[in-house]
Amino acid sequence: MNCGSLNLVLNHSGQRAAGYSLTELAVVLAIVGLLSAAATPTFQEAFAAAKQRLYSNALQDAVRLARELAYAEGQKTTLCPLLEGTGCGADWSLGWSIFRERISQGGLQSITIREQRIKDRKLLIASNRPSFSFDPSGSSTNGTVVFCTRGRHSAIAIVIAGNGTSRTIEPHGITPCE
């Protein structure tokens, strides 16, 4: 049936058929595509911020653990960048480890207590200290560890005080990671 320029599709009972035309579906898909494209940067930013927060929380937990172990067991405990094997590395972005050194018959022996590996190459972690050592009183080397993600304009910093406590800050004026 042709009603001027409007074409209607009728079913067997003479009523208009239910459903959508190809044009209607194409318009809806185009709108959904535009909305998805507009939302993608927001989702990526939220995901990057969540990863930054996750790893900064993990480091703060490691600071607390290292301090508690040094105090509870009366031995120096060290938190430092991860290195394959034992000891300290130089790049906090690879992760970190907590270890204790003990004198044994064979000399000085390092005992790894916990390791955190990071495989996200967009996350950059820098510190003004190569390591943080906690003595049996719980005191520590003071310093700051900063977490940032390439392309983001914000950072999260863990500030470790000389008494071994830590706090999280979101410093202003940090340039985006390059």
C-alpha atoms as a PDB file:
ATOM      1  CA  MET A   1       0.000   0.000   0.000  1.00  0.00           C
ATOM      2  CA  ASN A   2       1.386   3.421  -0.931  1.00  0.00           C
ATOM      3  CA  CYS A   3       0.229   6.461   1.043  1.00  0.00           C
ATOM      4  CA  GLY A   4       1.914   9.352  -0.740  1.00  0.00           C
ATOM      5  CA  SER A   5       5.637   9.248   0.001  1.00  0.00           C
ATOM      6  CA  LEU A   6       5.235   7.040   3.092  1.00  0.00           C
ATOM      7  CA  ASN A   7       5.695   3.346   2.468  1.00  0.00           C
ATOM      8  CA  LEU A   8       4.117   1.042   5.019  1.00  0.00           C
ATOM      9  CA  VAL A   9       4.860  -2.631   5.363  1.00  0.00           C
ATOM     10  CA  LEU A  10       1.766  -4.570   6.221  1.00  0.00           C
ATOM     11  CA  ASN A  11       1.597  -8.011   7.780  1.00  0.00           C
ATOM     12  CA  HIS A  12      -0.867 -10.780   6.827  1.00  0.00           C
ATOM     13  CA  SER A  13      -3.722  -9.253   8.827  1.00  0.00           C
ATOM     14  CA  GLY A  14      -3.426  -5.883   7.102  1.00  0.00           C
ATOM     15  CA  GLN A  15      -1.813  -4.085  10.051  1.00  0.00           C
ATOM     16  CA  ARG A  16       1.533  -2.317   9.999  1.00  0.00           C
ATOM     17  CA  ALA A  17       4.364  -4.793  10.684  1.00  0.00           C
ATOM     18  CA  ALA A  18       6.189  -4.465  14.023  1.00  0.00           C
ATOM     19  CA  GLY A  19       9.914  -3.732  14.047  1.00  0.00           C
ATOM     20  CA  TYR A  20      12.364  -1.096  12.921  1.00  0.00           C
ATOM     21  CA  SER A  21      13.538  -0.138   9.506  1.00  0.00           C
ATOM     22  CA  LEU A  22      17.175  -0.383   8.492  1.00  0.00           C
ATOM     23  CA  THR A  23      17.411   3.415   8.529  1.00  0.00           C
ATOM     24  CA  GLU A  24      16.115   3.616  12.099  1.00  0.00           C
ATOM     25  CA  LEU A  25      18.625   0.988  13.230  1.00  0.00           C
ATOM     26  CA  ALA A  26      21.481   2.792  11.469  1.00  0.00           C
ATOM     27  CA  VAL A  27      20.605   6.076  13.188  1.00  0.00           C
ATOM     28  CA  VAL A  28      20.446   4.408  16.622  1.00  0.00           C
ATOM     29  CA  LEU A  29      23.791   2.651  16.039  1.00  0.00           C
ATOM     30  CA  ALA A  30      25.387   5.938  14.958  1.00  0.00           C
ATOM     31  CA  ILE A  31      24.170   7.663  18.133  1.00  0.00           C
ATOM     32  CA  VAL A  32      25.431   4.796  20.315  1.00  0.00           C
ATOM     33  CA  GLY A  33      28.800   4.946  18.546  1.00  0.00           C
ATOM     34  CA  LEU A  34      29.130   8.685  19.131  1.00  0.00           C
ATOM     35  CA  LEU A  35      28.232   8.360  22.806  1.00  0.00           C
ATOM     36  CA  SER A  36      30.733   5.494  23.236  1.00  0.00           C
ATOM     37  CA  ALA A  37      33.492   7.477  21.551  1.00  0.00           C
ATOM     38  CA  ALA A  38      32.790  10.446  23.806  1.00  0.00           C
ATOM     39  CA  ALA A  39      32.814   8.286  26.974  1.00  0.00           C
ATOM     40  CA  THR A  40      35.985   6.289  26.192  1.00  0.00           C
ATOM     41  CA  PRO A  41      38.505   8.928  27.411  1.00  0.00           C
ATOM     42  CA  THR A  42      36.534   9.264  30.650  1.00  0.00           C
ATOM     43  CA  PHE A  43      36.641   5.497  31.226  1.00  0.00           C
ATOM     44  CA  GLN A  44      40.366   5.376  30.436  1.00  0.00           C
ATOM     45  CA  GLU A  45      41.050   8.232  32.852  1.00  0.00           C
ATOM     46  CA  ALA A  46      39.022   6.540  35.584  1.00  0.00           C
ATOM     47  CA  PHE A  47      40.832   3.233  35.001  1.00  0.00           C
ATOM     48  CA  ALA A  48      44.270   4.912  35.145  1.00  0.00           C
ATOM     49  CA  ALA A  49      43.319   6.754  38.344  1.00  0.00           C
ATOM     50  CA  ALA A  50      42.104   3.495  39.907  1.00  0.00           C
ATOM     51  CA  LYS A  51      45.392   1.737  39.089  1.00  0.00           C
ATOM     52  CA  GLN A  52      47.381   4.639  40.532  1.00  0.00           C
ATOM     53  CA  ARG A  53      45.327   4.458  43.724  1.00  0.00           C
ATOM     54  CA  LEU A  54      45.612   0.642  43.884  1.00  0.00           C
ATOM     55  CA  TYR A  55      49.409   0.621  43.718  1.00  0.00           C
ATOM     56  CA  SER A  56      49.845   3.608  46.026  1.00  0.00           C
ATOM     57  CA  ASN A  57      47.647   1.844  48.603  1.00  0.00           C
ATOM     58  CA  ALA A  58      49.730  -1.318  48.172  1.00  0.00           C
ATOM     59  CA  LEU A  59      52.936   0.631  48.837  1.00  0.00           C
ATOM     60  CA  GLN A  60      51.433   2.280  51.890  1.00  0.00           C
ATOM     61  CA  ASP A  61      50.488  -1.205  53.177  1.00  0.00           C
ATOM     62  CA  ALA A  62      54.095  -2.313  52.547  1.00  0.00           C
ATOM     63  CA  VAL A  63      55.378   0.677  54.567  1.00  0.00           C
ATOM     64  CA  ARG A  64      53.117  -0.287  57.467  1.00  0.00           C
ATOM     65  CA  LEU A  65      54.172  -3.937  57.278  1.00  0.00           C
ATOM     66  CA  ALA A  66      57.900  -3.130  57.165  1.00  0.00           C
ATOM     67  CA  ARG A  67      57.549  -0.811  60.163  1.00  0.00           C
ATOM     68  CA  GLU A  68      55.487  -3.305  62.174  1.00  0.00           C
ATOM     69  CA  LEU A  69      57.913  -6.159  61.456  1.00  0.00           C
ATOM     70  CA  ALA A  70      60.957  -4.091  62.433  1.00  0.00           C
ATOM     71  CA  TYR A  71      59.299  -3.117  65.695  1.00  0.00           C
ATOM     72  CA  ALA A  72      57.764  -6.524  66.524  1.00  0.00           C
ATOM     73  CA  GLU A  73      60.843  -8.580  65.720  1.00  0.00           C
ATOM     74  CA  GLY A  74      63.492  -6.081  66.778  1.00  0.00           C
ATOM     75  CA  GLN A  75      65.356  -6.212  63.449  1.00  0.00           C
ATOM     76  CA  LYS A  76      66.058  -3.659  60.737  1.00  0.00           C
ATOM     77  CA  THR A  77      63.641  -4.125  57.823  1.00  0.00           C
ATOM     78  CA  THR A  78      64.106  -2.530  54.393  1.00  0.00           C
ATOM     79  CA  LEU A  79      61.603  -1.496  51.721  1.00  0.00           C
ATOM     80  CA  CYS A  80      63.172  -0.823  48.340  1.00  0.00           C
ATOM     81  CA  PRO A  81      62.685  -1.106  44.560  1.00  0.00           C
ATOM     82  CA  LEU A  82      62.331  -4.665  43.334  1.00  0.00           C
ATOM     83  CA  LEU A  83      65.375  -6.492  42.054  1.00  0.00           C
ATOM     84  CA  GLU A  84      65.379 -10.025  40.704  1.00  0.00           C
ATOM     85  CA  GLY A  85      67.001 -12.114  43.399  1.00  0.00           C
ATOM     86  CA  THR A  86      67.764 -10.331  46.651  1.00  0.00           C
ATOM     87  CA  GLY A  87      68.699  -6.776  47.446  1.00  0.00           C
ATOM     88  CA  CYS A  88      67.489  -3.468  46.078  1.00  0.00           C
ATOM     89  CA  GLY A  89      66.988  -2.341  42.506  1.00  0.00           C
ATOM     90  CA  ALA A  90      66.886   1.205  41.200  1.00  0.00           C
ATOM     91  CA  ASP A  91      63.451   1.479  39.524  1.00  0.00           C
ATOM     92  CA  TRP A  92      60.391   1.730  41.787  1.00  0.00           C
ATOM     93  CA  SER A  93      58.182   1.377  38.664  1.00  0.00           C
ATOM     94  CA  LEU A  94      59.047  -2.348  38.530  1.00  0.00           C
ATOM     95  CA  GLY A  95      57.691  -2.878  42.032  1.00  0.00           C
ATOM     96  CA  TRP A  96      59.171  -3.194  45.509  1.00  0.00           C
ATOM     97  CA  SER A  97      60.226  -5.713  48.092  1.00  0.00           C
ATOM     98  CA  ILE A  98      60.471  -5.897  51.849  1.00  0.00           C
ATOM     99  CA  PHE A  99      63.455  -7.784  53.186  1.00  0.00           C
ATOM    100  CA  ARG A 100      65.469  -8.305  56.310  1.00  0.00           C
ATOM    101  CA  GLU A 101      69.151  -9.048  56.588  1.00  0.00           C
ATOM    102  CA  ARG A 102      70.406 -11.539  59.100  1.00  0.00           C
ATOM    103  CA  ILE A 103      73.874 -12.704  59.994  1.00  0.00           C
ATOM    104  CA  SER A 104      74.312 -16.422  59.550  1.00  0.00           C
ATOM    105  CA  GLN A 105      77.279 -18.795  59.469  1.00  0.00           C
ATOM    106  CA  GLY A 106      77.815 -18.037  55.784  1.00  0.00           C
ATOM    107  CA  GLY A 107      77.779 -14.272  56.327  1.00  0.00           C
ATOM    108  CA  LEU A 108      75.020 -11.763  55.700  1.00  0.00           C
ATOM    109  CA  GLN A 109      71.813 -13.303  54.361  1.00  0.00           C
ATOM    110  CA  SER A 110      68.825 -11.403  52.933  1.00  0.00           C
ATOM    111  CA  ILE A 111      65.375 -12.785  53.624  1.00  0.00           C
ATOM    112  CA  THR A 112      62.600 -11.511  51.339  1.00  0.00           C
ATOM    113  CA  ILE A 113      59.343 -11.017  53.214  1.00  0.00           C
ATOM    114  CA  ARG A 114      57.077  -9.653  50.477  1.00  0.00           C
ATOM    115  CA  GLU A 115      57.331  -8.533  46.859  1.00  0.00           C
ATOM    116  CA  GLN A 116      55.011  -6.453  44.713  1.00  0.00           C
ATOM    117  CA  ARG A 117      55.598  -6.651  40.968  1.00  0.00           C
ATOM    118  CA  ILE A 118      54.202  -4.029  38.603  1.00  0.00           C
ATOM    119  CA  LYS A 119      53.805  -4.816  34.920  1.00  0.00           C
ATOM    120  CA  ASP A 120      52.007  -1.642  33.864  1.00  0.00           C
ATOM    121  CA  ARG A 121      54.556   0.356  31.834  1.00  0.00           C
ATOM    122  CA  LYS A 122      52.339   3.467  31.826  1.00  0.00           C
ATOM    123  CA  LEU A 123      52.628   3.768  35.596  1.00  0.00           C
ATOM    124  CA  LEU A 124      55.730   5.644  36.709  1.00  0.00           C
ATOM    125  CA  ILE A 125      56.934   5.562  40.302  1.00  0.00           C
ATOM    126  CA  ALA A 126      59.765   7.766  41.528  1.00  0.00           C
ATOM    127  CA  SER A 127      61.245   8.441  44.945  1.00  0.00           C
ATOM    128  CA  ASN A 128      63.725  10.843  46.458  1.00  0.00           C
ATOM    129  CA  ARG A 129      65.215   7.873  48.362  1.00  0.00           C
ATOM    130  CA  PRO A 130      66.726   4.636  47.003  1.00  0.00           C
ATOM    131  CA  SER A 131      65.205   2.681  49.927  1.00  0.00           C
ATOM    132  CA  PHE A 132      63.473   3.039  53.278  1.00  0.00           C
ATOM    133  CA  SER A 133      64.966   1.258  56.274  1.00  0.00           C
ATOM    134  CA  PHE A 134      62.957   0.740  59.451  1.00  0.00           C
ATOM    135  CA  ASP A 135      64.863   0.169  62.698  1.00  0.00           C
ATOM    136  CA  PRO A 136      63.565  -1.785  65.710  1.00  0.00           C
ATOM    137  CA  SER A 137      61.999   1.378  67.188  1.00  0.00           C
ATOM    138  CA  GLY A 138      59.864   1.728  64.015  1.00  0.00           C
ATOM    139  CA  SER A 139      61.729   4.830  62.855  1.00  0.00           C
ATOM    140  CA  SER A 140      62.599   5.157  59.194  1.00  0.00           C
ATOM    141  CA  THR A 141      64.417   7.078  56.546  1.00  0.00           C
ATOM    142  CA  ASN A 142      62.061   9.903  55.558  1.00  0.00           C
ATOM    143  CA  GLY A 143      61.135  10.539  51.955  1.00  0.00           C
ATOM    144  CA  THR A 144      58.440  10.555  49.299  1.00  0.00           C
ATOM    145  CA  VAL A 145      57.335   8.110  46.630  1.00  0.00           C
ATOM    146  CA  VAL A 146      55.290   9.619  43.766  1.00  0.00           C
ATOM    147  CA  PHE A 147      52.949   7.635  41.491  1.00  0.00           C
ATOM    148  CA  CYS A 148      51.879   9.065  38.145  1.00  0.00           C
ATOM    149  CA  THR A 149      50.593   7.695  34.869  1.00  0.00           C
ATOM    150  CA  ARG A 150      51.870   8.881  31.503  1.00  0.00           C
ATOM    151  CA  GLY A 151      49.485  11.462  30.094  1.00  0.00           C
ATOM    152  CA  ARG A 152      47.608  12.134  33.351  1.00  0.00           C
ATOM    153  CA  HIS A 153      47.774  15.525  35.007  1.00  0.00           C
ATOM    154  CA  SER A 154      47.632  14.235  38.567  1.00  0.00           C
ATOM    155  CA  ALA A 155      49.795  12.222  40.895  1.00  0.00           C
ATOM    156  CA  ILE A 156      49.578  10.445  44.215  1.00  0.00           C
ATOM    157  CA  ALA A 157      52.424  10.668  46.707  1.00  0.00           C
ATOM    158  CA  ILE A 158      53.200   8.563  49.755  1.00  0.00           C
ATOM    159  CA  VAL A 159      55.104  10.632  52.309  1.00  0.00           C
ATOM    160  CA  ILE A 160      57.108   8.560  54.785  1.00  0.00           C
ATOM    161  CA  ALA A 161      58.045  10.420  57.964  1.00  0.00           C
ATOM    162  CA  GLY A 162      61.149   9.860  60.078  1.00  0.00           C
ATOM    163  CA  ASN A 163      59.042   8.150  62.741  1.00  0.00           C
ATOM    164  CA  GLY A 164      58.038   5.497  60.168  1.00  0.00           C
ATOM    165  CA  THR A 165      54.445   6.602  59.626  1.00  0.00           C
ATOM    166  CA  SER A 166      53.114   7.366  56.174  1.00  0.00           C
ATOM    167  CA  ARG A 167      50.357   9.412  54.603  1.00  0.00           C
ATOM    168  CA  THR A 168      48.922   9.867  51.136  1.00  0.00           C
ATOM    169  CA  ILE A 169      48.725  13.250  49.431  1.00  0.00           C
ATOM    170  CA  GLU A 170      47.701  14.385  45.980  1.00  0.00           C
ATOM    171  CA  PRO A 171      50.271  17.064  45.216  1.00  0.00           C
ATOM    172  CA  HIS A 172      49.222  20.028  43.103  1.00  0.00           C
ATOM    173  CA  GLY A 173      51.499  21.441  40.445  1.00  0.00           C
ATOM    174  CA  ILE A 174      52.928  18.073  39.413  1.00  0.00           C
ATOM    175  CA  THR A 175      53.504  18.023  35.677  1.00  0.00           C
ATOM    176  CA  PRO A 176      52.123  15.061  33.776  1.00  0.00           C
ATOM    177  CA  CYS A 177      54.373  12.063  33.394  1.00  0.00           C
ATOM    178  CA  GLU A 178      56.398  12.186  30.224  1.00  0.00           C
END
